[in-house]
Structure formats: structure tokens, C-alpha cells
Amino acid sequence: MIDMPIPVRAIEGDATGQARAGLSDAALMVLAQEVIVRLARWARDTTAERAAERPPVVPPDLEVLCAALIGEDPMIPKQMILDAHAQGASHEELCLWHIGAAARHLGEMWDEDRITFRDMAVAAGRMLHLLRDIRELAPAFAPRGDQCALFATVPGEKHVLGITMAADIFRKDGWDVDLRLNSTEVQLSDMVRKGGYPIVGLSAATPDRLRALARVVVELRLAAPKILIFVGGNIARLEPDIAVRVGADGAAWEMHRCRQEMNRLHELLPSILRPN
């Protein structure tokens, strides 16, 4: 089930056709569109300058990749990406020319009514998880210190008391926590690119922050592929599967569970951050 990305779980329940309470169709559409639009825009803005420097080593077949992203087997698009890497495609090329370009093509297919809402949702979830799954292929990353984390509210979030208290508690536990409130996704991605944070904790209170949360997760995955992302705040209570839904690495609501999850992520760092 952990390989079943966001909206597949919400749409298909337990994968046997049983309905499961979760995000509404409207919320899923918002999430799917945000992921695809964000990746497509990044690919569009980046492709021209990268193409002038160097064309892709392994040009993708976008029709085949998009068909796999909306197909029945979630392992097929992942294997296609890994095969491209085996043929010489770098992590950046996989993100830009394969995943990002596929998002742009899917957006065009959506505009032309060639794919359905379910197709859009499934593809968005799989691309979120691909960004997370291929991080081991990214360049080496040196964290700035042990038990170091960036805590931030998602853009537009007005509830800041909980994350402020959490930052103080983790500092007392020995963590080096940098707390940022009311930053944009561009500012947050710039912070993780330059700051050496191995773990980023994002806080959101209500489902209406879902769009902002999805946007930030995509931005952070592209800016610093090897970081681990934790989701906290009331949204983790309202949506227990929020980490799976947005392609994060962990989530929790109660403080003792937040401590457990953050410690678990910290223990994962040596395997995530090791040089390729």
C-alpha cells in the first residue's frame, strides 16, 4: 500500500474497491492539478536553458511514460525512470526531461479532455512518489549538523502557535531547529537549497492548506532531493494518511508521536545522505 500514491488510495480505498473516508473529489482535484501544474511550469521554465547547455542523454518517450503513469501497475513508470538512469540519465535529467516533461504533457492531455480526473489524480500521486523514490540518485548532500531541522508553516497558514511550541520542545530535546513562519514556497526552497537542512517539518492546520502543502513538497523535492519531509499540525489529525497523500516521509499530530517520527527520520539519514 505504501507504493500506492495519494489519490489512488483515496479513490480506490484499500485497492479492493472498498470505499474509504478521505479527501473529497474536489480536494483531490486541487491536489492533482497543483502537482502537475507545478512540475509542468518548472519543466517549461528550465528546459530551454538546460537544452542550450546539454540535450538529454536519454530522451523520453512521453506518450509511453504518460500511459504508464495513469496505468494499472505503479511499478512500470518507476522502472522506466530507473532504466533511463541506467542508460546514463542523471537525477536532474530524470526530474526535468522525464517527470517534469511528463507533467507538462499530461496537462496538455487534460486540456484536450484526453484523460479523466482519476487519470490526473493517479499520475500526480505517482510523480510525487517518483520524486521521493529517486532521491538516492541525486548528488551527495552534506547536512550542516546533527539533529538539525527546518520547521516552517506552509504558505498562507495563520496558525503558528503549535509549530512555535513544537520548535521550542525539540530544541529542549537537543535539536537544532530553525523556525520560519509565513515564508513562500520559493523562499523555503531557497532555504533548503542553501541551508543544509536534512529534515524539514511542515505545519498545516486545515485541508484548505492542501494546495499549498502539495506545492511546497514539490518545490522542496526539486530544490533538495535528499531531504526528509515531515508533516505536522492539525491536518495530520484530520488526514492520518497525509504523508502518503503528498509524498512526504512522515506525519504525526500528537507531540509524543511527532518526537517518535522525527527520531525515526533522523535514524534514516545515514542511508539517505550517503554519497552515491
C-alpha atoms as a PDB file:
ATOM      1  CA  MET A   1       0.000   0.000   0.000  1.00  0.00           C
ATOM      2  CA  ILE A   2       2.836   2.427   0.650  1.00  0.00           C
ATOM      3  CA  ASP A   3       3.643   2.400  -3.095  1.00  0.00           C
ATOM      4  CA  MET A   4       0.054   3.344  -3.874  1.00  0.00           C
ATOM      5  CA  PRO A   5       0.258   7.098  -4.242  1.00  0.00           C
ATOM      6  CA  ILE A   6      -2.007   9.798  -2.880  1.00  0.00           C
ATOM      7  CA  PRO A   7      -5.199   9.813  -4.746  1.00  0.00           C
ATOM      8  CA  VAL A   8      -5.146   6.149  -5.740  1.00  0.00           C
ATOM      9  CA  ARG A   9      -5.687   5.286  -2.105  1.00  0.00           C
ATOM     10  CA  ALA A  10      -8.370   7.900  -1.716  1.00  0.00           C
ATOM     11  CA  ILE A  11     -10.171   6.851  -4.899  1.00  0.00           C
ATOM     12  CA  GLU A  12      -9.731   3.098  -4.699  1.00  0.00           C
ATOM     13  CA  GLY A  13      -9.813   2.693  -0.923  1.00  0.00           C
ATOM     14  CA  ASP A  14      -7.932  -0.424   0.102  1.00  0.00           C
ATOM     15  CA  ALA A  15      -7.244  -1.379  -3.534  1.00  0.00           C
ATOM     16  CA  THR A  16     -10.113  -3.873  -3.488  1.00  0.00           C
ATOM     17  CA  GLY A  17     -12.788  -1.391  -4.475  1.00  0.00           C
ATOM     18  CA  GLN A  18     -13.940  -0.660  -0.941  1.00  0.00           C
ATOM     19  CA  ALA A  19     -14.697   2.990  -0.282  1.00  0.00           C
ATOM     20  CA  ARG A  20     -12.657   4.759   2.366  1.00  0.00           C
ATOM     21  CA  ALA A  21     -13.251   8.094   4.002  1.00  0.00           C
ATOM     22  CA  GLY A  22     -10.753  10.657   2.852  1.00  0.00           C
ATOM     23  CA  LEU A  23     -10.280  13.718   0.728  1.00  0.00           C
ATOM     24  CA  SER A  24     -13.228  14.837  -1.355  1.00  0.00           C
ATOM     25  CA  ASP A  25     -13.081  14.690  -5.146  1.00  0.00           C
ATOM     26  CA  ALA A  26     -12.694  18.462  -5.171  1.00  0.00           C
ATOM     27  CA  ALA A  27      -9.711  18.309  -2.802  1.00  0.00           C
ATOM     28  CA  LEU A  28      -8.128  15.534  -4.826  1.00  0.00           C
ATOM     29  CA  MET A  29      -8.540  17.550  -7.998  1.00  0.00           C
ATOM     30  CA  VAL A  30      -6.892  20.557  -6.371  1.00  0.00           C
ATOM     31  CA  LEU A  31      -4.002  18.394  -5.190  1.00  0.00           C
ATOM     32  CA  ALA A  32      -3.550  16.655  -8.544  1.00  0.00           C
ATOM     33  CA  GLN A  33      -3.709  19.878 -10.523  1.00  0.00           C
ATOM     34  CA  GLU A  34      -1.265  21.611  -8.191  1.00  0.00           C
ATOM     35  CA  VAL A  35       1.319  18.843  -8.522  1.00  0.00           C
ATOM     36  CA  ILE A  36       1.052  18.631 -12.309  1.00  0.00           C
ATOM     37  CA  VAL A  37       0.933  22.396 -12.852  1.00  0.00           C
ATOM     38  CA  ARG A  38       3.912  22.966 -10.556  1.00  0.00           C
ATOM     39  CA  LEU A  39       6.045  20.289 -12.215  1.00  0.00           C
ATOM     40  CA  ALA A  40       4.983  21.367 -15.704  1.00  0.00           C
ATOM     41  CA  ARG A  41       5.815  25.010 -15.006  1.00  0.00           C
ATOM     42  CA  TRP A  42       9.205  24.088 -13.579  1.00  0.00           C
ATOM     43  CA  ALA A  43       9.966  21.912 -16.606  1.00  0.00           C
ATOM     44  CA  ARG A  44       8.854  24.646 -19.011  1.00  0.00           C
ATOM     45  CA  ASP A  45      10.919  27.346 -17.312  1.00  0.00           C
ATOM     46  CA  THR A  46      14.009  25.156 -17.011  1.00  0.00           C
ATOM     47  CA  THR A  47      14.055  23.176 -20.257  1.00  0.00           C
ATOM     48  CA  ALA A  48      15.149  25.980 -22.588  1.00  0.00           C
ATOM     49  CA  GLU A  49      18.207  26.979 -20.585  1.00  0.00           C
ATOM     50  CA  ARG A  50      19.215  23.366 -19.929  1.00  0.00           C
ATOM     51  CA  ALA A  51      18.738  22.395 -23.571  1.00  0.00           C
ATOM     52  CA  ALA A  52      21.154  25.123 -24.615  1.00  0.00           C
ATOM     53  CA  GLU A  53      23.738  23.657 -22.228  1.00  0.00           C
ATOM     54  CA  ARG A  54      23.173  19.998 -22.926  1.00  0.00           C
ATOM     55  CA  PRO A  55      20.316  17.998 -24.508  1.00  0.00           C
ATOM     56  CA  PRO A  56      19.016  14.943 -22.649  1.00  0.00           C
ATOM     57  CA  VAL A  57      21.256  11.892 -22.685  1.00  0.00           C
ATOM     58  CA  VAL A  58      18.170   9.672 -22.705  1.00  0.00           C
ATOM     59  CA  PRO A  59      15.233  11.370 -24.487  1.00  0.00           C
ATOM     60  CA  PRO A  60      11.948  10.117 -23.024  1.00  0.00           C
ATOM     61  CA  ASP A  61       9.002   8.701 -24.933  1.00  0.00           C
ATOM     62  CA  LEU A  62       6.420  10.934 -23.267  1.00  0.00           C
ATOM     63  CA  GLU A  63       3.390   9.128 -24.677  1.00  0.00           C
ATOM     64  CA  VAL A  64       4.599   5.831 -23.248  1.00  0.00           C
ATOM     65  CA  LEU A  65       5.625   7.359 -19.915  1.00  0.00           C
ATOM     66  CA  CYS A  66       2.310   9.178 -19.503  1.00  0.00           C
ATOM     67  CA  ALA A  67       0.418   5.998 -20.343  1.00  0.00           C
ATOM     68  CA  ALA A  68       2.412   4.220 -17.627  1.00  0.00           C
ATOM     69  CA  LEU A  69       1.750   6.994 -15.115  1.00  0.00           C
ATOM     70  CA  ILE A  70      -2.006   6.504 -15.484  1.00  0.00           C
ATOM     71  CA  GLY A  71      -1.833   2.730 -15.975  1.00  0.00           C
ATOM     72  CA  GLU A  72      -2.708  -0.104 -13.625  1.00  0.00           C
ATOM     73  CA  ASP A  73       0.804  -1.054 -12.463  1.00  0.00           C
ATOM     74  CA  PRO A  74       2.524   1.632 -10.346  1.00  0.00           C
ATOM     75  CA  MET A  75       5.894  -0.093 -10.768  1.00  0.00           C
ATOM     76  CA  ILE A  76       6.065   0.410 -14.547  1.00  0.00           C
ATOM     77  CA  PRO A  77       6.736   4.187 -14.549  1.00  0.00           C
ATOM     78  CA  LYS A  78       9.258   3.756 -11.744  1.00  0.00           C
ATOM     79  CA  GLN A  79      11.071   1.059 -13.718  1.00  0.00           C
ATOM     80  CA  MET A  80      11.070   3.291 -16.802  1.00  0.00           C
ATOM     81  CA  ILE A  81      12.764   6.040 -14.793  1.00  0.00           C
ATOM     82  CA  LEU A  82      15.317   3.610 -13.354  1.00  0.00           C
ATOM     83  CA  ASP A  83      16.012   2.221 -16.834  1.00  0.00           C
ATOM     84  CA  ALA A  84      16.683   5.755 -18.096  1.00  0.00           C
ATOM     85  CA  HIS A  85      19.112   6.271 -15.215  1.00  0.00           C
ATOM     86  CA  ALA A  86      20.858   3.003 -16.071  1.00  0.00           C
ATOM     87  CA  GLN A  87      21.306   4.330 -19.626  1.00  0.00           C
ATOM     88  CA  GLY A  88      23.034   7.444 -18.314  1.00  0.00           C
ATOM     89  CA  ALA A  89      20.339   9.935 -17.324  1.00  0.00           C
ATOM     90  CA  SER A  90      21.275  11.989 -14.270  1.00  0.00           C
ATOM     91  CA  HIS A  91      18.924  12.807 -11.401  1.00  0.00           C
ATOM     92  CA  GLU A  92      18.394  16.311 -12.814  1.00  0.00           C
ATOM     93  CA  GLU A  93      17.635  14.914 -16.258  1.00  0.00           C
ATOM     94  CA  LEU A  94      15.125  12.449 -14.825  1.00  0.00           C
ATOM     95  CA  CYS A  95      13.335  15.247 -12.964  1.00  0.00           C
ATOM     96  CA  LEU A  96      13.396  17.696 -15.872  1.00  0.00           C
ATOM     97  CA  TRP A  97      13.166  15.735 -19.118  1.00  0.00           C
ATOM     98  CA  HIS A  98      11.158  12.770 -17.854  1.00  0.00           C
ATOM     99  CA  ILE A  99       8.978  13.542 -14.788  1.00  0.00           C
ATOM    100  CA  GLY A 100       8.621  17.282 -15.413  1.00  0.00           C
ATOM    101  CA  ALA A 101       8.082  16.887 -19.146  1.00  0.00           C
ATOM    102  CA  ALA A 102       5.509  14.155 -18.479  1.00  0.00           C
ATOM    103  CA  ALA A 103       3.647  16.531 -16.170  1.00  0.00           C
ATOM    104  CA  ARG A 104       3.591  19.151 -18.915  1.00  0.00           C
ATOM    105  CA  HIS A 105       2.304  16.593 -21.435  1.00  0.00           C
ATOM    106  CA  LEU A 106      -0.363  15.371 -19.004  1.00  0.00           C
ATOM    107  CA  GLY A 107      -1.508  18.954 -18.540  1.00  0.00           C
ATOM    108  CA  GLU A 108      -1.922  19.249 -22.294  1.00  0.00           C
ATOM    109  CA  MET A 109      -3.834  15.957 -22.361  1.00  0.00           C
ATOM    110  CA  TRP A 110      -6.119  17.231 -19.605  1.00  0.00           C
ATOM    111  CA  ASP A 111      -6.791  20.456 -21.508  1.00  0.00           C
ATOM    112  CA  GLU A 112      -7.694  18.360 -24.554  1.00  0.00           C
ATOM    113  CA  ASP A 113     -10.004  16.061 -22.493  1.00  0.00           C
ATOM    114  CA  ARG A 114      -7.832  13.049 -23.301  1.00  0.00           C
ATOM    115  CA  ILE A 115      -7.519  11.952 -19.658  1.00  0.00           C
ATOM    116  CA  THR A 116     -10.003  11.735 -16.793  1.00  0.00           C
ATOM    117  CA  PHE A 117      -9.970  13.128 -13.275  1.00  0.00           C
ATOM    118  CA  ARG A 118      -8.879   9.737 -11.963  1.00  0.00           C
ATOM    119  CA  ASP A 119      -6.039   9.608 -14.513  1.00  0.00           C
ATOM    120  CA  MET A 120      -4.888  13.058 -13.432  1.00  0.00           C
ATOM    121  CA  ALA A 121      -5.010  12.143  -9.749  1.00  0.00           C
ATOM    122  CA  VAL A 122      -3.196   8.834 -10.167  1.00  0.00           C
ATOM    123  CA  ALA A 123      -0.448  10.385 -12.303  1.00  0.00           C
ATOM    124  CA  ALA A 124       0.068  13.253  -9.857  1.00  0.00           C
ATOM    125  CA  GLY A 125       0.450  10.868  -6.955  1.00  0.00           C
ATOM    126  CA  ARG A 126       2.901   8.680  -8.807  1.00  0.00           C
ATOM    127  CA  MET A 127       5.034  11.633  -9.840  1.00  0.00           C
ATOM    128  CA  LEU A 128       5.150  12.854  -6.231  1.00  0.00           C
ATOM    129  CA  HIS A 129       6.399   9.466  -5.144  1.00  0.00           C
ATOM    130  CA  LEU A 130       8.860   9.193  -8.025  1.00  0.00           C
ATOM    131  CA  LEU A 131      10.473  12.441  -6.879  1.00  0.00           C
ATOM    132  CA  ARG A 132      10.899  10.904  -3.441  1.00  0.00           C
ATOM    133  CA  ASP A 133      11.955   7.455  -4.636  1.00  0.00           C
ATOM    134  CA  ILE A 134      14.758   8.619  -6.933  1.00  0.00           C
ATOM    135  CA  ARG A 135      16.432  10.900  -4.386  1.00  0.00           C
ATOM    136  CA  GLU A 136      19.175   8.309  -3.861  1.00  0.00           C
ATOM    137  CA  LEU A 137      20.280   9.144  -7.420  1.00  0.00           C
ATOM    138  CA  ALA A 138      20.790  12.824  -6.552  1.00  0.00           C
ATOM    139  CA  PRO A 139      24.235  14.347  -5.873  1.00  0.00           C
ATOM    140  CA  ALA A 140      25.736  13.981  -2.403  1.00  0.00           C
ATOM    141  CA  PHE A 141      24.324  16.245   0.286  1.00  0.00           C
ATOM    142  CA  ALA A 142      26.149  17.442   3.401  1.00  0.00           C
ATOM    143  CA  PRO A 143      23.887  18.384   6.331  1.00  0.00           C
ATOM    144  CA  ARG A 144      25.060  21.289   8.412  1.00  0.00           C
ATOM    145  CA  GLY A 145      24.825  19.429  11.711  1.00  0.00           C
ATOM    146  CA  ASP A 146      23.419  16.530  13.712  1.00  0.00           C
ATOM    147  CA  GLN A 147      19.720  16.596  14.650  1.00  0.00           C
ATOM    148  CA  CYS A 148      19.189  19.701  12.536  1.00  0.00           C
ATOM    149  CA  ALA A 149      15.811  20.635  11.052  1.00  0.00           C
ATOM    150  CA  LEU A 150      13.889  23.460   9.453  1.00  0.00           C
ATOM    151  CA  PHE A 151      10.358  23.932  10.838  1.00  0.00           C
ATOM    152  CA  ALA A 152       8.022  26.021   8.691  1.00  0.00           C
ATOM    153  CA  THR A 153       4.365  26.792   8.201  1.00  0.00           C
ATOM    154  CA  VAL A 154       3.023  26.157   4.733  1.00  0.00           C
ATOM    155  CA  PRO A 155       2.390  29.383   2.807  1.00  0.00           C
ATOM    156  CA  GLY A 156      -0.790  31.124   3.914  1.00  0.00           C
ATOM    157  CA  GLU A 157      -1.035  29.227   7.214  1.00  0.00           C
ATOM    158  CA  LYS A 158      -2.219  31.526  10.019  1.00  0.00           C
ATOM    159  CA  HIS A 159      -1.957  29.049  12.906  1.00  0.00           C
ATOM    160  CA  VAL A 160       1.578  29.442  14.221  1.00  0.00           C
ATOM    161  CA  LEU A 161       1.308  28.716  17.963  1.00  0.00           C
ATOM    162  CA  GLY A 162       1.573  24.941  17.626  1.00  0.00           C
ATOM    163  CA  ILE A 163       4.683  24.900  15.459  1.00  0.00           C
ATOM    164  CA  THR A 164       6.317  27.570  17.615  1.00  0.00           C
ATOM    165  CA  MET A 165       5.760  25.450  20.718  1.00  0.00           C
ATOM    166  CA  ALA A 166       6.971  22.346  18.878  1.00  0.00           C
ATOM    167  CA  ALA A 167      10.184  24.125  17.858  1.00  0.00           C
ATOM    168  CA  ASP A 168      10.841  25.053  21.497  1.00  0.00           C
ATOM    169  CA  ILE A 169      10.192  21.491  22.670  1.00  0.00           C
ATOM    170  CA  PHE A 170      12.524  19.985  20.069  1.00  0.00           C
ATOM    171  CA  ARG A 171      15.227  22.498  20.958  1.00  0.00           C
ATOM    172  CA  LYS A 172      14.966  21.384  24.582  1.00  0.00           C
ATOM    173  CA  ASP A 173      15.364  17.813  23.313  1.00  0.00           C
ATOM    174  CA  GLY A 174      18.678  18.808  21.731  1.00  0.00           C
ATOM    175  CA  TRP A 175      17.589  19.539  18.166  1.00  0.00           C
ATOM    176  CA  ASP A 176      18.961  22.499  16.216  1.00  0.00           C
ATOM    177  CA  VAL A 177      15.687  23.907  14.873  1.00  0.00           C
ATOM    178  CA  ASP A 178      15.386  26.860  12.530  1.00  0.00           C
ATOM    179  CA  LEU A 179      11.779  28.139  12.671  1.00  0.00           C
ATOM    180  CA  ARG A 180      10.345  30.051   9.737  1.00  0.00           C
ATOM    181  CA  LEU A 181       6.809  31.438   9.670  1.00  0.00           C
ATOM    182  CA  ASN A 182       4.901  32.850   6.689  1.00  0.00           C
ATOM    183  CA  SER A 183       7.580  32.093   4.090  1.00  0.00           C
ATOM    184  CA  THR A 184       6.634  31.443   0.476  1.00  0.00           C
ATOM    185  CA  GLU A 185       7.399  28.143  -1.228  1.00  0.00           C
ATOM    186  CA  VAL A 186      10.119  29.888  -3.252  1.00  0.00           C
ATOM    187  CA  GLN A 187      11.730  31.213  -0.060  1.00  0.00           C
ATOM    188  CA  LEU A 188      11.530  27.775   1.583  1.00  0.00           C
ATOM    189  CA  SER A 189      13.060  26.014  -1.417  1.00  0.00           C
ATOM    190  CA  ASP A 190      15.871  28.575  -1.423  1.00  0.00           C
ATOM    191  CA  MET A 191      16.452  27.940   2.301  1.00  0.00           C
ATOM    192  CA  VAL A 192      16.774  24.177   1.891  1.00  0.00           C
ATOM    193  CA  ARG A 193      18.976  24.567  -1.186  1.00  0.00           C
ATOM    194  CA  LYS A 194      21.442  26.760   0.703  1.00  0.00           C
ATOM    195  CA  GLY A 195      20.908  25.825   4.351  1.00  0.00           C
ATOM    196  CA  GLY A 196      21.884  22.154   4.603  1.00  0.00           C
ATOM    197  CA  TYR A 197      18.734  21.091   6.437  1.00  0.00           C
ATOM    198  CA  PRO A 198      18.416  17.281   6.325  1.00  0.00           C
ATOM    199  CA  ILE A 199      14.847  17.325   7.689  1.00  0.00           C
ATOM    200  CA  VAL A 200      12.057  19.822   7.016  1.00  0.00           C
ATOM    201  CA  GLY A 201       8.938  19.875   9.173  1.00  0.00           C
ATOM    202  CA  LEU A 202       5.884  21.490   7.556  1.00  0.00           C
ATOM    203  CA  SER A 203       2.851  22.545   9.566  1.00  0.00           C
ATOM    204  CA  ALA A 204      -0.698  22.977   8.295  1.00  0.00           C
ATOM    205  CA  ALA A 205      -3.950  23.202  10.222  1.00  0.00           C
ATOM    206  CA  THR A 206      -6.799  22.592   7.776  1.00  0.00           C
ATOM    207  CA  PRO A 207      -7.475  20.830   4.448  1.00  0.00           C
ATOM    208  CA  ASP A 208      -7.693  24.182   2.680  1.00  0.00           C
ATOM    209  CA  ARG A 209      -3.896  24.311   3.024  1.00  0.00           C
ATOM    210  CA  LEU A 210      -3.603  21.158   0.921  1.00  0.00           C
ATOM    211  CA  ARG A 211      -2.768  23.050  -2.265  1.00  0.00           C
ATOM    212  CA  ALA A 212      -0.009  24.989  -0.508  1.00  0.00           C
ATOM    213  CA  LEU A 213       1.319  21.801   1.105  1.00  0.00           C
ATOM    214  CA  ALA A 214       1.496  19.947  -2.217  1.00  0.00           C
ATOM    215  CA  ARG A 215       3.192  22.930  -3.839  1.00  0.00           C
ATOM    216  CA  VAL A 216       5.844  23.148  -1.114  1.00  0.00           C
ATOM    217  CA  VAL A 217       6.560  19.415  -1.189  1.00  0.00           C
ATOM    218  CA  VAL A 218       7.190  19.563  -4.950  1.00  0.00           C
ATOM    219  CA  GLU A 219       9.397  22.649  -4.604  1.00  0.00           C
ATOM    220  CA  LEU A 220      11.444  21.083  -1.793  1.00  0.00           C
ATOM    221  CA  ARG A 221      11.873  17.781  -3.635  1.00  0.00           C
ATOM    222  CA  LEU A 222      13.279  19.637  -6.634  1.00  0.00           C
ATOM    223  CA  ALA A 223      15.438  22.028  -4.599  1.00  0.00           C
ATOM    224  CA  ALA A 224      16.960  19.450  -2.241  1.00  0.00           C
ATOM    225  CA  PRO A 225      16.089  15.890  -3.324  1.00  0.00           C
ATOM    226  CA  LYS A 226      17.682  14.125  -0.360  1.00  0.00           C
ATOM    227  CA  ILE A 227      15.913  15.958   2.459  1.00  0.00           C
ATOM    228  CA  LEU A 228      13.283  14.167   4.518  1.00  0.00           C
ATOM    229  CA  ILE A 229       9.902  15.901   4.828  1.00  0.00           C
ATOM    230  CA  PHE A 230       7.672  15.663   7.899  1.00  0.00           C
ATOM    231  CA  VAL A 231       4.081  16.949   8.052  1.00  0.00           C
ATOM    232  CA  GLY A 232       2.654  18.092  11.381  1.00  0.00           C
ATOM    233  CA  GLY A 233      -0.195  20.223  12.629  1.00  0.00           C
ATOM    234  CA  ASN A 234      -3.918  19.614  12.756  1.00  0.00           C
ATOM    235  CA  ILE A 235      -4.008  18.384   9.165  1.00  0.00           C
ATOM    236  CA  ALA A 236      -2.176  15.255  10.334  1.00  0.00           C
ATOM    237  CA  ARG A 237      -5.028  14.605  12.758  1.00  0.00           C
ATOM    238  CA  LEU A 238      -7.728  15.260  10.155  1.00  0.00           C
ATOM    239  CA  GLU A 239      -5.975  13.225   7.461  1.00  0.00           C
ATOM    240  CA  PRO A 240      -3.920  10.408   9.064  1.00  0.00           C
ATOM    241  CA  ASP A 241      -2.556   9.370   5.639  1.00  0.00           C
ATOM    242  CA  ILE A 242      -1.405  12.861   4.722  1.00  0.00           C
ATOM    243  CA  ALA A 243       2.235  11.778   4.338  1.00  0.00           C
ATOM    244  CA  VAL A 244       1.267   9.164   1.747  1.00  0.00           C
ATOM    245  CA  ARG A 245      -1.068  11.589   0.020  1.00  0.00           C
ATOM    246  CA  VAL A 246       1.515  14.321  -0.519  1.00  0.00           C
ATOM    247  CA  GLY A 247       4.631  12.169  -0.864  1.00  0.00           C
ATOM    248  CA  ALA A 248       6.173  13.185   2.471  1.00  0.00           C
ATOM    249  CA  ASP A 249       8.316  10.881   4.612  1.00  0.00           C
ATOM    250  CA  GLY A 250       6.313  11.018   7.826  1.00  0.00           C
ATOM    251  CA  ALA A 251       3.477  12.759   9.655  1.00  0.00           C
ATOM    252  CA  ALA A 252       2.069  12.996  13.162  1.00  0.00           C
ATOM    253  CA  TRP A 253      -0.210  15.109  15.294  1.00  0.00           C
ATOM    254  CA  GLU A 254       0.372  14.341  18.984  1.00  0.00           C
ATOM    255  CA  MET A 255       3.698  15.557  20.385  1.00  0.00           C
ATOM    256  CA  HIS A 256       4.931  12.140  21.515  1.00  0.00           C
ATOM    257  CA  ARG A 257       4.243  10.775  18.019  1.00  0.00           C
ATOM    258  CA  CYS A 258       5.961  13.788  16.446  1.00  0.00           C
ATOM    259  CA  ARG A 259       9.041  13.029  18.533  1.00  0.00           C
ATOM    260  CA  GLN A 260       8.953   9.372  17.501  1.00  0.00           C
ATOM    261  CA  GLU A 261       8.587  10.208  13.814  1.00  0.00           C
ATOM    262  CA  MET A 262      11.307  12.852  13.839  1.00  0.00           C
ATOM    263  CA  ASN A 263      13.679  10.455  15.603  1.00  0.00           C
ATOM    264  CA  ARG A 264      12.808   7.768  13.042  1.00  0.00           C
ATOM    265  CA  LEU A 265      13.606  10.144  10.191  1.00  0.00           C
ATOM    266  CA  HIS A 266      16.863  11.135  11.851  1.00  0.00           C
ATOM    267  CA  GLU A 267      17.856   7.480  12.032  1.00  0.00           C
ATOM    268  CA  LEU A 268      17.196   7.161   8.281  1.00  0.00           C
ATOM    269  CA  LEU A 269      19.567   9.986   7.372  1.00  0.00           C
ATOM    270  CA  PRO A 270      22.804   7.967   7.077  1.00  0.00           C
ATOM    271  CA  SER A 271      21.293   5.772   4.361  1.00  0.00           C
ATOM    272  CA  ILE A 272      19.628   8.701   2.561  1.00  0.00           C
ATOM    273  CA  LEU A 273      22.567  11.111   2.617  1.00  0.00           C
ATOM    274  CA  ARG A 274      25.383   8.699   1.829  1.00  0.00           C
ATOM    275  CA  PRO A 275      27.356   9.500  -1.333  1.00  0.00           C
ATOM    276  CA  ASN A 276      26.267   7.648  -4.491  1.00  0.00           C
END
